[in-house]
Amino acid sequence: MARPRKFDETRVIGAVMDAFWRRGYEATSTRDLSEGTGLGPSSLYNTFGDKRQLYLRALRRYYETATDAQIEILERPGPVKDRLRELMLRDIGADTSGTGRPVGCFAINAAIEMASSDPDVKEQVHRHFARVEEALKDTVARGQRAGEIRTDRDAAGLARQVLSTYYGLHVLSRAHDDRRVIEDVVEGALAAL
């Protein structure tokens, strides 16, 4: 007879996500996952599957948490450019703060490391990017209707421009400790809207 689980699955997947986010897929060992979760390798793999399945679960968890947080910023009331600024600078502060939090965007990290070689990872990353892009498009369209954002370009094109700046900032912030560099890029992107 199997013993019942004696762990919080949400906490375990959060710890798995943190390990992969910090180290990447290839550099994360079974030992890293066990130490981060407090579970032995057999418990982890018997419950969740192999390392790849754990990685996919972590990406789904990121989608459920980080993507929702991004969308929440975009759906708040207030000036559109203020919300876009907040979105672009929100995680960048963590990237440059030296707090020990995972660096960058887990979805971007996954896209760079794994999406070209693993179709399931590519699908998870695409789902994240598509949801954020759709929310950006809706936000830009609201800004256009309110007269805050230029109307000579369609909302979808402007949203993709913001999206590429937003994701590029995560990469740029790894090379620049000077937050002013990041803020300059953000202000330039907003001015172009």
N, C-alpha and C. Protein backbone atom coordinates (compact mmCIF):
# COMPACT_ATOMS: atom_id res chain seq x y z
N MET A 1 0.84 -1.17 0.00
CA MET A 1 0.00 0.00 0.00
C MET A 1 0.89 1.25 0.00
N ALA A 2 0.59 2.17 -0.91
CA ALA A 2 1.40 3.39 -1.03
C ALA A 2 1.14 4.32 0.15
N ARG A 3 2.21 4.96 0.59
CA ARG A 3 2.07 5.93 1.67
C ARG A 3 1.54 7.25 1.10
N PRO A 4 0.71 7.96 1.87
CA PRO A 4 0.19 9.24 1.37
C PRO A 4 1.31 10.27 1.32
N ARG A 5 1.17 11.24 0.40
CA ARG A 5 2.14 12.32 0.29
C ARG A 5 2.12 13.16 1.54
N LYS A 6 3.31 13.60 1.96
CA LYS A 6 3.41 14.43 3.15
C LYS A 6 4.17 15.71 2.82
N PHE A 7 3.79 16.34 1.72
CA PHE A 7 4.44 17.58 1.35
C PHE A 7 3.44 18.47 0.61
N ASP A 8 3.75 19.73 0.58
CA ASP A 8 2.92 20.72 -0.10
C ASP A 8 3.37 20.80 -1.55
N GLU A 9 2.56 20.31 -2.46
CA GLU A 9 2.93 20.24 -3.87
C GLU A 9 3.22 21.63 -4.45
N THR A 10 2.46 22.63 -4.07
CA THR A 10 2.68 23.99 -4.56
C THR A 10 4.06 24.49 -4.13
N ARG A 11 4.41 24.23 -2.89
CA ARG A 11 5.73 24.66 -2.39
C ARG A 11 6.84 23.92 -3.12
N VAL A 12 6.65 22.63 -3.35
CA VAL A 12 7.67 21.83 -4.02
C VAL A 12 7.88 22.34 -5.45
N ILE A 13 6.81 22.56 -6.18
CA ILE A 13 6.96 23.04 -7.56
C ILE A 13 7.55 24.45 -7.56
N GLY A 14 7.22 25.26 -6.56
CA GLY A 14 7.85 26.58 -6.45
C GLY A 14 9.35 26.47 -6.24
N ALA A 15 9.77 25.51 -5.42
CA ALA A 15 11.21 25.31 -5.18
C ALA A 15 11.90 24.77 -6.43
N VAL A 16 11.21 23.89 -7.15
CA VAL A 16 11.75 23.37 -8.41
C VAL A 16 11.90 24.51 -9.42
N MET A 17 10.87 25.36 -9.52
CA MET A 17 10.93 26.50 -10.42
C MET A 17 12.11 27.40 -10.07
N ASP A 18 12.28 27.66 -8.78
CA ASP A 18 13.39 28.51 -8.34
C ASP A 18 14.74 27.92 -8.73
N ALA A 19 14.90 26.62 -8.56
CA ALA A 19 16.18 25.96 -8.91
C ALA A 19 16.46 26.07 -10.41
N PHE A 20 15.46 25.77 -11.23
CA PHE A 20 15.66 25.87 -12.67
C PHE A 20 15.87 27.32 -13.10
N TRP A 21 15.15 28.24 -12.48
CA TRP A 21 15.25 29.66 -12.82
C TRP A 21 16.65 30.17 -12.53
N ARG A 22 17.22 29.75 -11.41
CA ARG A 22 18.56 30.21 -11.02
C ARG A 22 19.67 29.61 -11.89
N ARG A 23 19.54 28.33 -12.21
CA ARG A 23 20.65 27.63 -12.83
C ARG A 23 20.44 27.27 -14.29
N GLY A 24 19.18 27.24 -14.72
CA GLY A 24 18.88 26.73 -16.05
C GLY A 24 18.65 25.23 -15.99
N TYR A 25 18.12 24.70 -17.06
CA TYR A 25 17.79 23.28 -17.10
C TYR A 25 19.03 22.40 -17.00
N GLU A 26 19.98 22.64 -17.89
CA GLU A 26 21.15 21.76 -17.96
C GLU A 26 21.98 21.79 -16.69
N ALA A 27 22.14 22.95 -16.08
CA ALA A 27 23.02 23.08 -14.91
C ALA A 27 22.35 22.66 -13.61
N THR A 28 21.05 22.40 -13.63
CA THR A 28 20.34 21.98 -12.42
C THR A 28 20.44 20.47 -12.28
N SER A 29 21.00 20.05 -11.17
CA SER A 29 21.17 18.62 -10.93
C SER A 29 20.03 18.06 -10.09
N THR A 30 19.95 16.76 -10.05
CA THR A 30 18.99 16.09 -9.18
C THR A 30 19.24 16.51 -7.73
N ARG A 31 20.50 16.62 -7.37
CA ARG A 31 20.85 17.05 -6.02
C ARG A 31 20.31 18.46 -5.73
N ASP A 32 20.45 19.38 -6.69
CA ASP A 32 19.92 20.73 -6.53
C ASP A 32 18.41 20.69 -6.28
N LEU A 33 17.72 19.87 -7.06
CA LEU A 33 16.27 19.77 -6.92
C LEU A 33 15.90 19.17 -5.56
N SER A 34 16.62 18.16 -5.14
CA SER A 34 16.36 17.53 -3.84
C SER A 34 16.62 18.49 -2.70
N GLU A 35 17.75 19.19 -2.76
CA GLU A 35 18.07 20.15 -1.70
C GLU A 35 17.06 21.29 -1.66
N GLY A 36 16.65 21.76 -2.81
CA GLY A 36 15.69 22.87 -2.86
C GLY A 36 14.31 22.50 -2.35
N THR A 37 13.92 21.27 -2.58
CA THR A 37 12.56 20.84 -2.19
C THR A 37 12.52 20.14 -0.85
N GLY A 38 13.66 19.62 -0.42
CA GLY A 38 13.69 18.83 0.80
C GLY A 38 13.20 17.40 0.59
N LEU A 39 13.04 16.99 -0.67
CA LEU A 39 12.59 15.64 -1.00
C LEU A 39 13.73 14.86 -1.63
N GLY A 40 13.73 13.58 -1.39
CA GLY A 40 14.72 12.72 -2.02
C GLY A 40 14.42 12.57 -3.50
N PRO A 41 15.43 12.21 -4.28
CA PRO A 41 15.23 12.05 -5.73
C PRO A 41 14.10 11.08 -6.08
N SER A 42 14.02 9.97 -5.36
CA SER A 42 12.96 9.00 -5.69
C SER A 42 11.58 9.57 -5.42
N SER A 43 11.43 10.31 -4.34
CA SER A 43 10.13 10.95 -4.05
C SER A 43 9.77 11.95 -5.13
N LEU A 44 10.75 12.76 -5.53
CA LEU A 44 10.50 13.75 -6.58
C LEU A 44 10.07 13.08 -7.88
N TYR A 45 10.88 12.12 -8.32
CA TYR A 45 10.63 11.53 -9.62
C TYR A 45 9.42 10.60 -9.61
N ASN A 46 9.18 9.89 -8.51
CA ASN A 46 7.99 9.05 -8.43
C ASN A 46 6.71 9.87 -8.45
N THR A 47 6.76 11.06 -7.88
CA THR A 47 5.58 11.91 -7.81
C THR A 47 5.39 12.74 -9.08
N PHE A 48 6.48 13.32 -9.60
CA PHE A 48 6.36 14.30 -10.68
C PHE A 48 6.93 13.84 -12.01
N GLY A 49 7.61 12.73 -12.04
CA GLY A 49 8.24 12.30 -13.28
C GLY A 49 9.71 12.69 -13.31
N ASP A 50 10.29 12.63 -14.49
CA ASP A 50 11.72 12.91 -14.63
C ASP A 50 12.02 14.41 -14.59
N LYS A 51 13.29 14.73 -14.77
CA LYS A 51 13.74 16.12 -14.69
C LYS A 51 12.99 17.00 -15.71
N ARG A 52 12.81 16.50 -16.90
CA ARG A 52 12.12 17.27 -17.94
C ARG A 52 10.67 17.55 -17.53
N GLN A 53 10.01 16.56 -16.95
CA GLN A 53 8.62 16.77 -16.51
C GLN A 53 8.56 17.80 -15.39
N LEU A 54 9.54 17.76 -14.51
CA LEU A 54 9.62 18.78 -13.45
C LEU A 54 9.81 20.16 -14.05
N TYR A 55 10.65 20.26 -15.07
CA TYR A 55 10.89 21.54 -15.74
C TYR A 55 9.62 22.07 -16.37
N LEU A 56 8.89 21.21 -17.04
CA LEU A 56 7.63 21.62 -17.66
C LEU A 56 6.62 22.06 -16.60
N ARG A 57 6.58 21.36 -15.48
CA ARG A 57 5.69 21.77 -14.38
C ARG A 57 6.08 23.14 -13.86
N ALA A 58 7.41 23.37 -13.75
CA ALA A 58 7.89 24.66 -13.28
C ALA A 58 7.50 25.77 -14.25
N LEU A 59 7.59 25.51 -15.55
CA LEU A 59 7.17 26.51 -16.54
C LEU A 59 5.68 26.80 -16.45
N ARG A 60 4.88 25.76 -16.22
CA ARG A 60 3.44 25.98 -16.05
C ARG A 60 3.16 26.81 -14.80
N ARG A 61 3.90 26.54 -13.74
CA ARG A 61 3.75 27.32 -12.50
C ARG A 61 4.13 28.78 -12.73
N TYR A 62 5.19 29.00 -13.47
CA TYR A 62 5.59 30.38 -13.80
C TYR A 62 4.47 31.08 -14.57
N TYR A 63 3.90 30.37 -15.53
CA TYR A 63 2.79 30.93 -16.30
C TYR A 63 1.63 31.33 -15.38
N GLU A 64 1.32 30.47 -14.43
CA GLU A 64 0.20 30.73 -13.52
C GLU A 64 0.47 31.87 -12.56
N THR A 65 1.71 32.12 -12.22
CA THR A 65 2.02 33.14 -11.22
C THR A 65 2.56 34.42 -11.85
N ALA A 66 3.67 34.33 -12.53
CA ALA A 66 4.31 35.54 -13.07
C ALA A 66 3.48 36.16 -14.18
N THR A 67 2.90 35.35 -15.04
CA THR A 67 2.10 35.91 -16.12
C THR A 67 0.89 36.62 -15.56
N ASP A 68 0.24 36.03 -14.58
CA ASP A 68 -0.90 36.69 -13.94
C ASP A 68 -0.49 38.02 -13.33
N ALA A 69 0.67 38.08 -12.72
CA ALA A 69 1.14 39.33 -12.11
C ALA A 69 1.39 40.39 -13.17
N GLN A 70 1.93 40.00 -14.32
CA GLN A 70 2.15 40.94 -15.41
C GLN A 70 0.82 41.47 -15.94
N ILE A 71 -0.12 40.59 -16.14
CA ILE A 71 -1.44 40.98 -16.66
C ILE A 71 -2.14 41.91 -15.68
N GLU A 72 -2.01 41.61 -14.39
CA GLU A 72 -2.66 42.45 -13.36
C GLU A 72 -2.16 43.89 -13.45
N ILE A 73 -0.89 44.09 -13.68
CA ILE A 73 -0.36 45.46 -13.82
C ILE A 73 -1.01 46.15 -15.01
N LEU A 74 -1.12 45.44 -16.12
CA LEU A 74 -1.66 46.04 -17.33
C LEU A 74 -3.15 46.34 -17.22
N GLU A 75 -3.86 45.61 -16.39
CA GLU A 75 -5.31 45.80 -16.28
C GLU A 75 -5.72 46.81 -15.20
N ARG A 76 -4.77 47.35 -14.48
CA ARG A 76 -5.09 48.35 -13.45
C ARG A 76 -5.63 49.62 -14.10
N PRO A 77 -6.36 50.40 -13.32
CA PRO A 77 -6.76 51.71 -13.83
C PRO A 77 -5.56 52.66 -13.81
N GLY A 78 -5.69 53.75 -14.52
CA GLY A 78 -4.64 54.76 -14.53
C GLY A 78 -4.05 54.95 -15.90
N PRO A 79 -3.15 55.90 -16.03
CA PRO A 79 -2.54 56.17 -17.33
C PRO A 79 -1.81 54.94 -17.88
N VAL A 80 -2.01 54.70 -19.15
CA VAL A 80 -1.44 53.51 -19.80
C VAL A 80 0.08 53.53 -19.73
N LYS A 81 0.70 54.65 -20.03
CA LYS A 81 2.17 54.68 -20.02
C LYS A 81 2.73 54.42 -18.62
N ASP A 82 2.01 54.82 -17.58
CA ASP A 82 2.46 54.52 -16.22
C ASP A 82 2.45 53.01 -15.97
N ARG A 83 1.41 52.35 -16.48
CA ARG A 83 1.33 50.89 -16.30
C ARG A 83 2.40 50.17 -17.11
N LEU A 84 2.63 50.65 -18.32
CA LEU A 84 3.68 50.04 -19.14
C LEU A 84 5.05 50.23 -18.49
N ARG A 85 5.29 51.41 -17.96
CA ARG A 85 6.56 51.68 -17.26
C ARG A 85 6.70 50.74 -16.07
N GLU A 86 5.64 50.62 -15.29
CA GLU A 86 5.69 49.73 -14.12
C GLU A 86 5.98 48.29 -14.54
N LEU A 87 5.33 47.84 -15.59
CA LEU A 87 5.58 46.48 -16.08
C LEU A 87 7.04 46.31 -16.46
N MET A 88 7.56 47.25 -17.24
CA MET A 88 8.93 47.09 -17.73
C MET A 88 9.98 47.20 -16.63
N LEU A 89 9.69 48.00 -15.61
CA LEU A 89 10.68 48.19 -14.54
C LEU A 89 10.49 47.25 -13.35
N ARG A 90 9.35 46.63 -13.24
CA ARG A 90 9.03 45.81 -12.07
C ARG A 90 10.08 44.74 -11.80
N ASP A 91 10.32 43.88 -12.73
CA ASP A 91 11.27 42.79 -12.51
C ASP A 91 12.71 43.22 -12.73
N ILE A 92 12.90 44.28 -13.47
CA ILE A 92 14.25 44.76 -13.73
C ILE A 92 14.91 45.18 -12.42
N GLY A 93 14.12 45.75 -11.51
CA GLY A 93 14.67 46.10 -10.21
C GLY A 93 15.22 44.88 -9.50
N ALA A 94 14.54 43.77 -9.63
CA ALA A 94 15.03 42.53 -9.02
C ALA A 94 16.28 42.05 -9.75
N ASP A 95 16.32 42.24 -11.06
CA ASP A 95 17.47 41.79 -11.84
C ASP A 95 18.74 42.53 -11.43
N THR A 96 18.63 43.80 -11.05
CA THR A 96 19.81 44.61 -10.76
C THR A 96 20.02 44.86 -9.27
N SER A 97 19.21 44.28 -8.41
CA SER A 97 19.27 44.61 -6.99
C SER A 97 20.26 43.79 -6.19
N GLY A 98 20.71 42.67 -6.72
CA GLY A 98 21.63 41.82 -5.97
C GLY A 98 20.96 41.14 -4.79
N THR A 99 19.64 40.92 -4.86
CA THR A 99 18.89 40.33 -3.75
C THR A 99 19.05 38.82 -3.65
N GLY A 100 19.61 38.21 -4.67
CA GLY A 100 19.71 36.76 -4.66
C GLY A 100 18.50 36.07 -5.27
N ARG A 101 17.50 36.86 -5.65
CA ARG A 101 16.36 36.29 -6.36
C ARG A 101 16.82 35.78 -7.71
N PRO A 102 16.07 34.85 -8.30
CA PRO A 102 16.43 34.42 -9.64
C PRO A 102 16.48 35.61 -10.59
N VAL A 103 17.41 35.57 -11.51
CA VAL A 103 17.64 36.69 -12.41
C VAL A 103 16.88 36.49 -13.71
N GLY A 104 16.35 37.58 -14.22
CA GLY A 104 15.69 37.56 -15.51
C GLY A 104 14.29 37.00 -15.43
N CYS A 105 13.79 36.66 -16.58
CA CYS A 105 12.45 36.09 -16.73
C CYS A 105 12.63 34.61 -17.02
N PHE A 106 11.99 33.77 -16.25
CA PHE A 106 12.12 32.33 -16.42
C PHE A 106 11.69 31.90 -17.82
N ALA A 107 10.65 32.53 -18.36
CA ALA A 107 10.19 32.17 -19.71
C ALA A 107 11.25 32.54 -20.75
N ILE A 108 11.90 33.69 -20.60
CA ILE A 108 12.96 34.08 -21.53
C ILE A 108 14.13 33.11 -21.39
N ASN A 109 14.50 32.80 -20.16
CA ASN A 109 15.59 31.85 -19.94
C ASN A 109 15.29 30.52 -20.62
N ALA A 110 14.04 30.06 -20.49
CA ALA A 110 13.64 28.80 -21.11
C ALA A 110 13.67 28.91 -22.63
N ALA A 111 13.25 30.06 -23.16
CA ALA A 111 13.27 30.25 -24.61
C ALA A 111 14.69 30.17 -25.14
N ILE A 112 15.61 30.80 -24.44
CA ILE A 112 17.00 30.82 -24.88
C ILE A 112 17.65 29.45 -24.75
N GLU A 113 17.41 28.77 -23.64
CA GLU A 113 18.11 27.52 -23.39
C GLU A 113 17.45 26.31 -24.05
N MET A 114 16.13 26.25 -24.07
CA MET A 114 15.48 24.98 -24.39
C MET A 114 14.46 25.00 -25.53
N ALA A 115 13.87 26.15 -25.84
CA ALA A 115 12.73 26.16 -26.77
C ALA A 115 13.09 25.66 -28.17
N SER A 116 14.30 25.90 -28.61
CA SER A 116 14.66 25.46 -29.96
C SER A 116 14.86 23.95 -30.06
N SER A 117 15.06 23.28 -28.93
CA SER A 117 15.31 21.84 -28.97
C SER A 117 14.20 21.00 -28.34
N ASP A 118 13.25 21.63 -27.69
CA ASP A 118 12.18 20.88 -27.03
C ASP A 118 10.83 21.52 -27.37
N PRO A 119 10.02 20.84 -28.19
CA PRO A 119 8.75 21.44 -28.62
C PRO A 119 7.78 21.72 -27.46
N ASP A 120 7.83 20.94 -26.40
CA ASP A 120 6.94 21.20 -25.27
C ASP A 120 7.35 22.47 -24.52
N VAL A 121 8.63 22.69 -24.40
CA VAL A 121 9.11 23.92 -23.78
C VAL A 121 8.74 25.10 -24.67
N LYS A 122 8.95 24.94 -25.96
CA LYS A 122 8.59 26.01 -26.91
C LYS A 122 7.11 26.37 -26.78
N GLU A 123 6.27 25.37 -26.66
CA GLU A 123 4.83 25.61 -26.51
C GLU A 123 4.52 26.37 -25.23
N GLN A 124 5.16 25.99 -24.12
CA GLN A 124 4.93 26.69 -22.84
C GLN A 124 5.39 28.14 -22.92
N VAL A 125 6.56 28.36 -23.51
CA VAL A 125 7.09 29.72 -23.63
C VAL A 125 6.19 30.54 -24.55
N HIS A 126 5.78 29.95 -25.65
CA HIS A 126 4.90 30.67 -26.59
C HIS A 126 3.58 31.06 -25.90
N ARG A 127 3.05 30.17 -25.11
CA ARG A 127 1.80 30.46 -24.40
C ARG A 127 1.98 31.67 -23.48
N HIS A 128 3.10 31.73 -22.78
CA HIS A 128 3.39 32.87 -21.91
C HIS A 128 3.50 34.15 -22.72
N PHE A 129 4.34 34.12 -23.76
CA PHE A 129 4.56 35.31 -24.58
C PHE A 129 3.26 35.79 -25.23
N ALA A 130 2.47 34.86 -25.74
CA ALA A 130 1.22 35.22 -26.42
C ALA A 130 0.23 35.88 -25.46
N ARG A 131 0.15 35.39 -24.25
CA ARG A 131 -0.78 35.98 -23.29
C ARG A 131 -0.36 37.40 -22.91
N VAL A 132 0.93 37.60 -22.69
CA VAL A 132 1.41 38.94 -22.36
C VAL A 132 1.22 39.87 -23.55
N GLU A 133 1.51 39.38 -24.75
CA GLU A 133 1.32 40.21 -25.95
C GLU A 133 -0.14 40.63 -26.12
N GLU A 134 -1.05 39.71 -25.91
CA GLU A 134 -2.48 40.04 -26.04
C GLU A 134 -2.89 41.09 -25.02
N ALA A 135 -2.42 40.96 -23.79
CA ALA A 135 -2.74 41.96 -22.76
C ALA A 135 -2.12 43.31 -23.11
N LEU A 136 -0.90 43.30 -23.64
CA LEU A 136 -0.27 44.55 -24.07
C LEU A 136 -1.08 45.20 -25.19
N LYS A 137 -1.53 44.39 -26.15
CA LYS A 137 -2.33 44.92 -27.26
C LYS A 137 -3.60 45.58 -26.74
N ASP A 138 -4.28 44.94 -25.80
CA ASP A 138 -5.49 45.53 -25.22
C ASP A 138 -5.17 46.83 -24.49
N THR A 139 -4.07 46.85 -23.77
CA THR A 139 -3.66 48.04 -23.02
C THR A 139 -3.32 49.18 -23.97
N VAL A 140 -2.56 48.89 -25.01
CA VAL A 140 -2.20 49.92 -25.99
C VAL A 140 -3.46 50.44 -26.67
N ALA A 141 -4.38 49.56 -27.02
CA ALA A 141 -5.63 50.00 -27.66
C ALA A 141 -6.42 50.92 -26.74
N ARG A 142 -6.45 50.61 -25.44
CA ARG A 142 -7.12 51.51 -24.49
C ARG A 142 -6.43 52.87 -24.47
N GLY A 143 -5.10 52.85 -24.51
CA GLY A 143 -4.34 54.09 -24.54
C GLY A 143 -4.59 54.88 -25.80
N GLN A 144 -4.77 54.20 -26.92
CA GLN A 144 -5.08 54.89 -28.17
C GLN A 144 -6.46 55.53 -28.11
N ARG A 145 -7.43 54.81 -27.57
CA ARG A 145 -8.79 55.36 -27.45
C ARG A 145 -8.82 56.56 -26.51
N ALA A 146 -7.95 56.54 -25.51
CA ALA A 146 -7.91 57.64 -24.53
C ALA A 146 -7.04 58.80 -25.00
N GLY A 147 -6.38 58.65 -26.15
CA GLY A 147 -5.52 59.72 -26.66
C GLY A 147 -4.14 59.76 -26.03
N GLU A 148 -3.76 58.72 -25.27
CA GLU A 148 -2.45 58.67 -24.63
C GLU A 148 -1.36 58.11 -25.54
N ILE A 149 -1.78 57.33 -26.52
CA ILE A 149 -0.83 56.65 -27.39
C ILE A 149 -1.18 56.94 -28.84
N ARG A 150 -0.15 57.10 -29.64
CA ARG A 150 -0.33 57.45 -31.05
C ARG A 150 -1.24 56.44 -31.76
N THR A 151 -1.91 56.91 -32.78
CA THR A 151 -2.86 56.06 -33.50
C THR A 151 -2.45 55.80 -34.94
N ASP A 152 -1.28 56.27 -35.34
CA ASP A 152 -0.84 56.04 -36.72
C ASP A 152 -0.30 54.63 -36.93
N ARG A 153 -0.15 53.86 -35.88
CA ARG A 153 0.23 52.44 -35.97
C ARG A 153 -0.81 51.62 -35.23
N ASP A 154 -1.01 50.40 -35.66
CA ASP A 154 -2.02 49.57 -35.00
C ASP A 154 -1.53 49.09 -33.63
N ALA A 155 -2.49 48.79 -32.78
CA ALA A 155 -2.19 48.39 -31.40
C ALA A 155 -1.31 47.14 -31.35
N ALA A 156 -1.53 46.19 -32.25
CA ALA A 156 -0.75 44.95 -32.24
C ALA A 156 0.72 45.24 -32.51
N GLY A 157 1.01 46.08 -33.47
CA GLY A 157 2.40 46.42 -33.79
C GLY A 157 3.09 47.15 -32.64
N LEU A 158 2.39 48.09 -32.02
CA LEU A 158 2.96 48.81 -30.88
C LEU A 158 3.16 47.87 -29.69
N ALA A 159 2.22 46.96 -29.50
CA ALA A 159 2.35 45.99 -28.40
C ALA A 159 3.59 45.12 -28.60
N ARG A 160 3.84 44.69 -29.83
CA ARG A 160 5.03 43.87 -30.10
C ARG A 160 6.30 44.68 -29.87
N GLN A 161 6.25 45.96 -30.17
CA GLN A 161 7.41 46.83 -29.91
C GLN A 161 7.69 46.90 -28.41
N VAL A 162 6.64 47.09 -27.62
CA VAL A 162 6.79 47.13 -26.17
C VAL A 162 7.27 45.78 -25.66
N LEU A 163 6.69 44.71 -26.18
CA LEU A 163 7.06 43.36 -25.75
C LEU A 163 8.54 43.08 -26.00
N SER A 164 9.02 43.44 -27.17
CA SER A 164 10.43 43.16 -27.44
C SER A 164 11.34 44.02 -26.57
N THR A 165 10.93 45.24 -26.27
CA THR A 165 11.70 46.07 -25.34
C THR A 165 11.69 45.45 -23.96
N TYR A 166 10.52 45.04 -23.51
CA TYR A 166 10.36 44.45 -22.18
C TYR A 166 11.24 43.22 -22.01
N TYR A 167 11.19 42.30 -22.97
CA TYR A 167 12.01 41.10 -22.86
C TYR A 167 13.48 41.42 -23.05
N GLY A 168 13.79 42.34 -23.94
CA GLY A 168 15.19 42.74 -24.12
C GLY A 168 15.79 43.36 -22.87
N LEU A 169 14.96 44.06 -22.10
CA LEU A 169 15.45 44.67 -20.86
C LEU A 169 15.94 43.62 -19.87
N HIS A 170 15.29 42.48 -19.84
CA HIS A 170 15.72 41.40 -18.93
C HIS A 170 17.12 40.92 -19.30
N VAL A 171 17.38 40.85 -20.59
CA VAL A 171 18.71 40.42 -21.03
C VAL A 171 19.72 41.54 -20.77
N LEU A 172 19.36 42.77 -21.12
CA LEU A 172 20.26 43.91 -20.92
C LEU A 172 20.62 44.09 -19.45
N SER A 173 19.66 43.86 -18.57
CA SER A 173 19.91 44.08 -17.14
C SER A 173 20.95 43.11 -16.57
N ARG A 174 21.20 42.02 -17.27
CA ARG A 174 22.24 41.09 -16.82
C ARG A 174 23.63 41.66 -17.05
N ALA A 175 23.74 42.58 -18.02
CA ALA A 175 25.05 43.15 -18.35
C ALA A 175 25.26 44.54 -17.75
N HIS A 176 24.17 45.15 -17.26
CA HIS A 176 24.27 46.51 -16.70
C HIS A 176 23.78 46.52 -15.27
N ASP A 177 24.66 46.94 -14.37
CA ASP A 177 24.25 47.11 -12.98
C ASP A 177 23.66 48.50 -12.76
N ASP A 178 23.82 49.37 -13.73
CA ASP A 178 23.36 50.76 -13.61
C ASP A 178 21.90 50.83 -14.04
N ARG A 179 21.03 51.00 -13.09
CA ARG A 179 19.59 51.05 -13.36
C ARG A 179 19.23 52.19 -14.30
N ARG A 180 20.03 53.26 -14.32
CA ARG A 180 19.72 54.39 -15.19
C ARG A 180 19.74 53.99 -16.66
N VAL A 181 20.61 53.05 -17.01
CA VAL A 181 20.65 52.57 -18.40
C VAL A 181 19.31 51.94 -18.76
N ILE A 182 18.80 51.12 -17.86
CA ILE A 182 17.51 50.45 -18.08
C ILE A 182 16.39 51.48 -18.16
N GLU A 183 16.39 52.42 -17.22
CA GLU A 183 15.35 53.46 -17.21
C GLU A 183 15.36 54.29 -18.48
N ASP A 184 16.55 54.57 -19.01
CA ASP A 184 16.64 55.32 -20.27
C ASP A 184 16.00 54.55 -21.42
N VAL A 185 16.21 53.25 -21.47
CA VAL A 185 15.60 52.44 -22.51
C VAL A 185 14.08 52.46 -22.37
N VAL A 186 13.60 52.32 -21.15
CA VAL A 186 12.16 52.33 -20.90
C VAL A 186 11.56 53.67 -21.33
N GLU A 187 12.16 54.76 -20.92
CA GLU A 187 11.61 56.07 -21.28
C GLU A 187 11.64 56.31 -22.78
N GLY A 188 12.68 55.83 -23.46
CA GLY A 188 12.74 55.94 -24.90
C GLY A 188 11.62 55.14 -25.58
N ALA A 189 11.37 53.95 -25.06
CA ALA A 189 10.32 53.12 -25.62
C ALA A 189 8.95 53.76 -25.41
N LEU A 190 8.73 54.33 -24.24
CA LEU A 190 7.45 54.99 -23.96
C LEU A 190 7.27 56.24 -24.80
N ALA A 191 8.34 56.99 -25.01
CA ALA A 191 8.26 58.21 -25.82
C ALA A 191 7.90 57.88 -27.27
N ALA A 192 8.29 56.71 -27.73
CA ALA A 192 8.00 56.31 -29.10
C ALA A 192 6.54 55.92 -29.29
N LEU A 193 5.81 55.78 -28.21
CA LEU A 193 4.39 55.42 -28.29
C LEU A 193 3.54 56.66 -28.46
